[in-house]
Amino acid sequence: MTAVHETPAPPRTGSPLILGTMGWGADRDRARGALRAGLDAGITVLDTADIYGAGVSEETVGALVAELPAAAREALRVQTKTGIVLHEPGPDGRPRVRYDNSPAYVRAGLEASLDRLGLAAVDTLLIHRPDVLTPVADTVRAFLDAREAGLVRRLGVSNMGTARVLEYQRALAGLAADGTGLQCVQMELGLHHRTLVEAVVLANHDDAPATAGAADLGAVCAAEGIELQAWGPLAQGRYTRGSDGSVPRDRAEQAALAAAGGPAAVVAEVALELEVSREAVVLAWLLRLPWGVRPVVGSQDPARLAACAGAEDAAARMDGAQWHRLWTAARGETLP
């Protein structure tokens, strides 16, 4: 494993959950309900990106944040992302996707995001995907220039392996006068996407997954004091809905789901044992990891967001046997 500096993780305030806004479109009433439910659940961080809804997500986030009382606005952190170019026409006229972390693109992307958000600054700017053509130091200098201009406070990255994350961390340490480091790394992680977990636990086993250089990312983030954020943690309801797509809410419906078999049944069983919602169980599985994971929950259903609020308590009470039952059920086979 790559050597890392033993730096304590930053203190966490409020809920460990982050409210994702990828689905926030022009229906502001629906998004307003999600924001209200998120605030009621103790969430203090909103996550968006310049490509979500071609900028509409940021516009909606900005409009709804502006409606909040001053104290509520000041308690919220907003993070956005840049670095993916969508719908750029190729020679054949068909839209292409590319990544651009160049200083000019990052600065322009940040300024455009601030304009849509109606904010003078965002708390964190995440580089959405890695652009191997742009030296990391160039991207870091662009961030530091933007920070000096008062446009952003912290830098994060998304969908990057350990080596790239550490390259950003070292560039920041070398270029930032105050020794600041990365705020966060955001990766897909959950019961449905267990790569970071299984890369560690199934080492030297035929079932070990290919990790594209991210096998030790959780441990590295914890040691470096970098927040590890998990996108897509609820797997679009894969483990929390009945076979007919319904969302069981009372104990009778939970028990019926628990008797139905499959991974969702095990989630329902553990939910009954802990007397929490199934959403809380799925998120608690992540929170039990020793990496300080913060799930990014993208639901716009107020009832579902309220159900997520019990995740921290569920994690505190979930034992190792329950955690392994959930993992084994999601894998669909016993551990080696």
Protein backbone atom coordinates (compact mmCIF):
# COMPACT_ATOMS: atom_id res chain seq x y z
CA MET A 1 0.00 0.00 0.00
CA THR A 2 1.19 3.53 -0.72
CA ALA A 3 2.54 5.30 2.35
CA VAL A 4 0.24 8.01 3.66
CA HIS A 5 0.48 10.75 6.25
CA GLU A 6 -1.41 10.09 9.48
CA THR A 7 -3.73 13.10 9.54
CA PRO A 8 -6.93 13.00 11.60
CA ALA A 9 -10.21 13.16 9.70
CA PRO A 10 -11.98 16.55 9.87
CA PRO A 11 -14.73 16.78 12.48
CA ARG A 12 -18.21 16.09 11.20
CA THR A 13 -21.17 18.24 12.13
CA GLY A 14 -24.84 17.47 11.53
CA SER A 15 -26.00 14.41 9.63
CA PRO A 16 -23.43 12.22 7.84
CA LEU A 17 -25.79 12.22 4.85
CA ILE A 18 -25.46 14.53 1.85
CA LEU A 19 -28.46 15.52 -0.27
CA GLY A 20 -27.81 14.84 -3.95
CA THR A 21 -29.61 17.03 -6.47
CA MET A 22 -28.90 15.32 -9.79
CA GLY A 23 -32.62 14.79 -10.33
CA TRP A 24 -33.64 18.34 -9.43
CA GLY A 25 -35.12 19.76 -12.59
CA ALA A 26 -37.63 22.42 -13.45
CA ASP A 27 -40.22 21.00 -11.00
CA ARG A 28 -39.21 23.20 -8.10
CA ASP A 29 -42.14 22.18 -5.92
CA ARG A 30 -40.87 18.61 -5.91
CA ALA A 31 -37.30 19.72 -5.24
CA ARG A 32 -38.52 22.07 -2.51
CA GLY A 33 -40.15 19.11 -0.76
CA ALA A 34 -36.89 17.17 -0.97
CA LEU A 35 -34.90 20.07 0.44
CA ARG A 36 -37.34 20.54 3.30
CA ALA A 37 -37.19 16.81 4.12
CA GLY A 38 -33.41 16.86 3.93
CA LEU A 39 -33.15 19.79 6.30
CA ASP A 40 -35.58 18.09 8.69
CA ALA A 41 -33.29 15.03 8.59
CA GLY A 42 -30.34 17.18 9.68
CA ILE A 43 -28.60 17.27 6.30
CA THR A 44 -26.25 20.24 5.90
CA VAL A 45 -24.56 19.56 2.52
CA LEU A 46 -26.11 19.84 -0.95
CA ASP A 47 -24.35 18.14 -3.89
CA THR A 48 -24.81 19.20 -7.50
CA ALA A 49 -22.80 19.49 -10.75
CA ASP A 50 -22.67 21.69 -13.81
CA ILE A 51 -23.84 18.82 -16.06
CA TYR A 52 -26.87 17.81 -13.96
CA GLY A 53 -29.85 18.66 -16.11
CA ALA A 54 -27.54 20.77 -18.28
CA GLY A 55 -27.30 23.28 -15.43
CA VAL A 56 -30.95 23.18 -14.36
CA SER A 57 -30.06 21.40 -11.11
CA GLU A 58 -27.77 24.25 -10.10
CA GLU A 59 -30.40 26.83 -11.01
CA THR A 60 -32.98 25.03 -8.88
CA VAL A 61 -30.57 24.60 -5.98
CA GLY A 62 -29.77 28.30 -6.08
CA ALA A 63 -33.41 29.37 -6.25
CA LEU A 64 -34.45 27.14 -3.34
CA VAL A 65 -31.49 28.01 -1.15
CA ALA A 66 -32.30 31.69 -1.70
CA GLU A 67 -35.80 31.06 -0.28
CA LEU A 68 -34.44 29.79 3.03
CA PRO A 69 -34.15 31.96 6.14
CA ALA A 70 -30.69 33.44 6.62
CA ALA A 71 -29.76 31.07 9.46
CA ALA A 72 -30.68 28.01 7.38
CA ARG A 73 -28.73 29.31 4.38
CA GLU A 74 -25.65 29.92 6.49
CA ALA A 75 -25.81 26.39 7.91
CA LEU A 76 -25.79 24.80 4.43
CA ARG A 77 -22.73 23.85 2.42
CA VAL A 78 -23.08 23.64 -1.35
CA GLN A 79 -20.66 21.59 -3.44
CA THR A 80 -20.63 21.33 -7.21
CA LYS A 81 -18.54 19.61 -9.86
CA THR A 82 -16.93 20.45 -13.17
CA GLY A 83 -14.63 18.74 -15.66
CA ILE A 84 -17.00 16.77 -17.92
CA VAL A 85 -17.84 18.17 -21.34
CA LEU A 86 -21.17 16.82 -22.61
CA HIS A 87 -22.90 17.05 -25.97
CA GLU A 88 -19.89 18.49 -27.80
CA PRO A 89 -20.48 17.67 -31.49
CA GLY A 90 -17.85 15.54 -33.21
CA PRO A 91 -16.89 15.69 -36.90
CA ASP A 92 -19.95 13.59 -37.72
CA GLY A 93 -22.23 15.95 -35.79
CA ARG A 94 -22.95 13.37 -33.10
CA PRO A 95 -22.46 14.50 -29.48
CA ARG A 96 -19.32 13.30 -27.72
CA VAL A 97 -18.17 13.22 -24.12
CA ARG A 98 -14.72 14.28 -23.01
CA TYR A 99 -13.01 15.35 -19.79
CA ASP A 100 -11.35 18.73 -19.32
CA ASN A 101 -9.54 19.70 -16.11
CA SER A 102 -7.57 22.52 -17.71
CA PRO A 103 -7.28 25.76 -15.71
CA ALA A 104 -9.35 27.69 -18.25
CA TYR A 105 -12.17 25.13 -18.24
CA VAL A 106 -12.20 24.71 -14.46
CA ARG A 107 -12.33 28.46 -13.85
CA ALA A 108 -15.01 29.02 -16.50
CA GLY A 109 -17.02 26.08 -15.19
CA LEU A 110 -16.86 27.36 -11.63
CA GLU A 111 -17.90 30.88 -12.60
CA ALA A 112 -20.81 29.55 -14.67
CA SER A 113 -21.91 27.36 -11.76
CA LEU A 114 -21.82 30.30 -9.35
CA ASP A 115 -23.94 32.31 -11.76
CA ARG A 116 -26.56 29.55 -11.97
CA LEU A 117 -26.47 28.99 -8.19
CA GLY A 118 -26.72 32.70 -7.46
CA LEU A 119 -23.87 32.36 -4.96
CA ALA A 120 -20.68 34.35 -4.46
CA ALA A 121 -18.81 31.15 -3.56
CA VAL A 122 -19.31 27.40 -3.13
CA ASP A 123 -17.90 25.46 -0.26
CA THR A 124 -16.30 22.73 -2.39
CA LEU A 125 -15.54 22.30 -6.09
CA LEU A 126 -15.07 18.68 -7.19
CA ILE A 127 -13.20 17.69 -10.33
CA HIS A 128 -15.81 15.32 -11.77
CA ARG A 129 -13.63 12.94 -13.81
CA PRO A 130 -9.87 12.74 -14.43
CA ASP A 131 -8.40 14.44 -17.49
CA VAL A 132 -5.06 12.69 -18.03
CA LEU A 133 -3.94 15.36 -20.51
CA THR A 134 -3.91 18.08 -17.85
CA PRO A 135 -1.21 17.93 -15.16
CA VAL A 136 -2.75 17.74 -11.70
CA ALA A 137 -0.63 20.67 -10.55
CA ASP A 138 -2.24 22.88 -13.22
CA THR A 139 -5.72 22.01 -11.99
CA VAL A 140 -4.67 22.63 -8.39
CA ARG A 141 -3.24 26.05 -9.29
CA ALA A 142 -6.56 26.93 -10.95
CA PHE A 143 -8.37 25.99 -7.74
CA LEU A 144 -5.97 28.04 -5.60
CA ASP A 145 -6.41 31.06 -7.88
CA ALA A 146 -10.19 30.71 -7.58
CA ARG A 147 -9.89 30.35 -3.81
CA GLU A 148 -7.75 33.48 -3.66
CA ALA A 149 -10.51 35.25 -5.58
CA GLY A 150 -13.04 34.12 -2.98
CA LEU A 151 -14.99 31.83 -5.33
CA VAL A 152 -14.47 28.49 -3.57
CA ARG A 153 -13.19 27.24 -0.22
CA ARG A 154 -12.19 23.60 -0.75
CA LEU A 155 -11.23 21.18 -3.52
CA GLY A 156 -12.50 17.65 -4.03
CA VAL A 157 -12.32 14.97 -6.70
CA SER A 158 -14.73 12.36 -8.01
CA ASN A 159 -14.33 8.95 -9.64
CA MET A 160 -10.55 8.77 -9.26
CA GLY A 161 -8.21 6.02 -8.08
CA THR A 162 -5.83 6.17 -5.13
CA ALA A 163 -2.76 7.28 -7.09
CA ARG A 164 -4.62 10.21 -8.65
CA VAL A 165 -6.12 11.20 -5.30
CA LEU A 166 -2.69 11.23 -3.67
CA GLU A 167 -1.30 13.22 -6.59
CA TYR A 168 -3.89 15.92 -5.86
CA GLN A 169 -3.16 15.72 -2.15
CA ARG A 170 0.58 16.18 -2.69
CA ALA A 171 0.11 18.98 -5.22
CA LEU A 172 -2.06 20.85 -2.73
CA ALA A 173 0.47 20.31 0.05
CA GLY A 174 3.22 21.68 -2.15
CA LEU A 175 1.36 24.61 -3.68
CA ALA A 176 -1.02 25.82 -0.97
CA ALA A 177 0.65 28.16 1.50
CA ASP A 178 -1.60 26.96 4.32
CA GLY A 179 -0.99 23.27 3.65
CA THR A 180 -4.63 22.60 2.78
CA GLY A 181 -5.54 19.15 1.49
CA LEU A 182 -8.37 17.58 -0.44
CA GLN A 183 -11.78 17.95 1.16
CA CYS A 184 -13.38 14.85 -0.34
CA VAL A 185 -13.35 12.01 -2.83
CA GLN A 186 -16.68 10.89 -4.27
CA MET A 187 -17.07 7.32 -5.58
CA GLU A 188 -19.93 4.95 -6.29
CA LEU A 189 -20.26 2.74 -3.23
CA GLY A 190 -23.02 0.72 -1.58
CA LEU A 191 -24.47 -2.76 -1.16
CA HIS A 192 -24.94 -2.87 -4.93
CA HIS A 193 -21.42 -1.59 -5.72
CA ARG A 194 -19.06 -3.19 -3.22
CA THR A 195 -15.81 -2.93 -5.15
CA LEU A 196 -13.85 -0.95 -2.56
CA VAL A 197 -14.91 -3.38 0.18
CA GLU A 198 -14.35 -6.59 -1.74
CA ALA A 199 -10.99 -5.46 -3.11
CA VAL A 200 -9.77 -5.35 0.50
CA VAL A 201 -11.51 -8.41 1.92
CA LEU A 202 -11.10 -10.76 -1.06
CA ALA A 203 -7.42 -10.02 -1.68
CA ASN A 204 -5.61 -12.97 -3.28
CA HIS A 205 -8.94 -14.64 -4.10
CA ASP A 206 -10.34 -15.43 -7.53
CA ASP A 207 -13.44 -13.35 -6.75
CA ALA A 208 -11.41 -10.21 -6.02
CA PRO A 209 -12.69 -7.41 -8.30
CA ALA A 210 -10.65 -5.28 -10.64
CA THR A 211 -10.37 -1.91 -8.94
CA ALA A 212 -8.54 0.35 -11.42
CA GLY A 213 -6.14 1.31 -8.65
CA ALA A 214 -8.69 2.09 -5.94
CA ALA A 215 -8.38 -0.98 -3.69
CA ASP A 216 -6.89 0.99 -0.78
CA LEU A 217 -8.85 4.20 -1.35
CA GLY A 218 -10.98 3.91 1.80
CA ALA A 219 -7.99 3.44 4.10
CA VAL A 220 -6.01 6.16 2.35
CA CYS A 221 -8.84 8.69 2.66
CA ALA A 222 -9.22 7.89 6.36
CA ALA A 223 -5.50 8.25 6.99
CA GLU A 224 -5.19 11.46 4.96
CA GLY A 225 -8.24 13.11 6.52
CA ILE A 226 -10.11 13.15 3.21
CA GLU A 227 -13.87 12.72 3.32
CA LEU A 228 -15.06 9.67 1.34
CA GLN A 229 -18.46 10.34 -0.22
CA ALA A 230 -20.56 7.53 -1.70
CA TRP A 231 -22.81 8.30 -4.64
CA GLY A 232 -25.74 6.06 -5.53
CA PRO A 233 -25.84 4.41 -2.07
CA LEU A 234 -29.52 3.41 -2.20
CA ALA A 235 -29.11 1.65 -5.57
CA GLN A 236 -32.34 3.25 -6.85
CA GLY A 237 -34.41 1.27 -4.36
CA ARG A 238 -33.08 -2.17 -5.29
CA TYR A 239 -33.08 -3.31 -1.66
CA THR A 240 -35.89 -1.22 -0.24
CA ARG A 241 -38.87 -1.83 -2.52
CA GLY A 242 -41.26 -4.74 -2.81
CA SER A 243 -41.43 -6.89 -5.95
CA ASP A 244 -44.26 -4.67 -7.22
CA GLY A 245 -42.14 -1.53 -6.78
CA SER A 246 -44.04 -0.38 -3.69
CA VAL A 247 -42.30 1.00 -0.62
CA PRO A 248 -43.41 -0.90 2.53
CA ARG A 249 -43.72 1.41 5.53
CA ASP A 250 -45.35 -0.47 8.41
CA ARG A 251 -44.11 -3.57 10.25
CA ALA A 252 -46.62 -5.90 8.58
CA GLU A 253 -45.44 -4.90 5.11
CA GLN A 254 -41.81 -5.11 6.26
CA ALA A 255 -42.41 -8.64 7.56
CA ALA A 256 -44.05 -9.65 4.28
CA LEU A 257 -41.04 -8.38 2.36
CA ALA A 258 -38.69 -10.18 4.76
CA ALA A 259 -40.45 -13.45 3.96
CA ALA A 260 -40.17 -12.96 0.21
CA GLY A 261 -36.50 -13.98 -0.09
CA GLY A 262 -33.53 -12.33 -1.79
CA PRO A 263 -31.30 -9.43 -0.70
CA ALA A 264 -34.26 -7.11 -0.10
CA ALA A 265 -35.64 -9.68 2.32
CA VAL A 266 -32.45 -9.65 4.38
CA VAL A 267 -32.53 -5.85 4.45
CA ALA A 268 -36.12 -6.05 5.70
CA GLU A 269 -35.14 -8.63 8.35
CA VAL A 270 -32.39 -6.41 9.71
CA ALA A 271 -34.72 -3.40 9.60
CA LEU A 272 -37.19 -5.30 11.78
CA GLU A 273 -34.43 -6.35 14.19
CA LEU A 274 -33.15 -2.78 14.56
CA GLU A 275 -36.63 -1.21 14.36
CA VAL A 276 -35.57 1.19 11.63
CA SER A 277 -36.42 1.72 7.97
CA ARG A 278 -34.86 -0.34 5.21
CA GLU A 279 -33.27 2.82 3.80
CA ALA A 280 -31.56 3.35 7.15
CA VAL A 281 -30.23 -0.23 7.06
CA VAL A 282 -28.77 0.13 3.55
CA LEU A 283 -27.04 3.38 4.52
CA ALA A 284 -25.94 2.01 7.90
CA TRP A 285 -24.05 -0.74 6.08
CA LEU A 286 -21.89 2.02 4.58
CA LEU A 287 -21.62 4.02 7.79
CA ARG A 288 -20.27 0.96 9.61
CA LEU A 289 -17.18 1.01 7.41
CA PRO A 290 -14.17 2.52 9.25
CA TRP A 291 -13.57 5.09 6.52
CA GLY A 292 -15.94 7.88 7.56
CA VAL A 293 -18.18 7.38 4.53
CA ARG A 294 -20.80 10.06 3.76
CA PRO A 295 -23.63 8.74 1.55
CA VAL A 296 -24.97 11.11 -1.13
CA VAL A 297 -28.72 10.44 -1.18
CA GLY A 298 -30.42 11.55 -4.37
CA SER A 299 -34.07 10.75 -3.64
CA GLN A 300 -36.70 13.48 -4.03
CA ASP A 301 -39.29 11.52 -2.03
CA PRO A 302 -39.75 13.28 1.33
CA ALA A 303 -40.89 10.05 3.01
CA ARG A 304 -37.84 8.24 1.76
CA LEU A 305 -35.51 11.01 2.91
CA ALA A 306 -37.16 10.94 6.32
CA ALA A 307 -36.58 7.17 6.37
CA CYS A 308 -32.87 7.77 5.73
CA ALA A 309 -32.56 9.92 8.83
CA GLY A 310 -32.23 6.89 11.10
CA ALA A 311 -29.08 5.62 9.36
CA GLU A 312 -26.60 6.89 11.92
CA ASP A 313 -28.50 5.30 14.81
CA ALA A 314 -28.87 2.07 12.83
CA ALA A 315 -25.12 1.99 12.18
CA ALA A 316 -24.39 2.44 15.88
CA ARG A 317 -26.59 -0.57 16.70
CA MET A 318 -25.80 -2.84 13.74
CA ASP A 319 -23.51 -5.68 14.79
CA GLY A 320 -20.93 -7.48 12.70
CA ALA A 321 -23.16 -10.48 12.09
CA GLN A 322 -25.92 -8.28 10.66
CA TRP A 323 -23.42 -6.38 8.52
CA HIS A 324 -22.07 -9.64 7.08
CA ARG A 325 -25.59 -10.98 6.46
CA LEU A 326 -26.34 -7.93 4.36
CA TRP A 327 -23.08 -8.20 2.46
CA THR A 328 -23.54 -11.91 1.78
CA ALA A 329 -27.12 -11.35 0.59
CA ALA A 330 -26.00 -8.60 -1.78
CA ARG A 331 -23.23 -10.83 -3.13
CA GLY A 332 -25.67 -13.67 -3.72
CA GLU A 333 -23.21 -16.24 -2.41
CA THR A 334 -21.39 -17.02 0.80
CA LEU A 335 -17.99 -15.61 1.61
CA PRO A 336 -14.94 -17.75 0.81
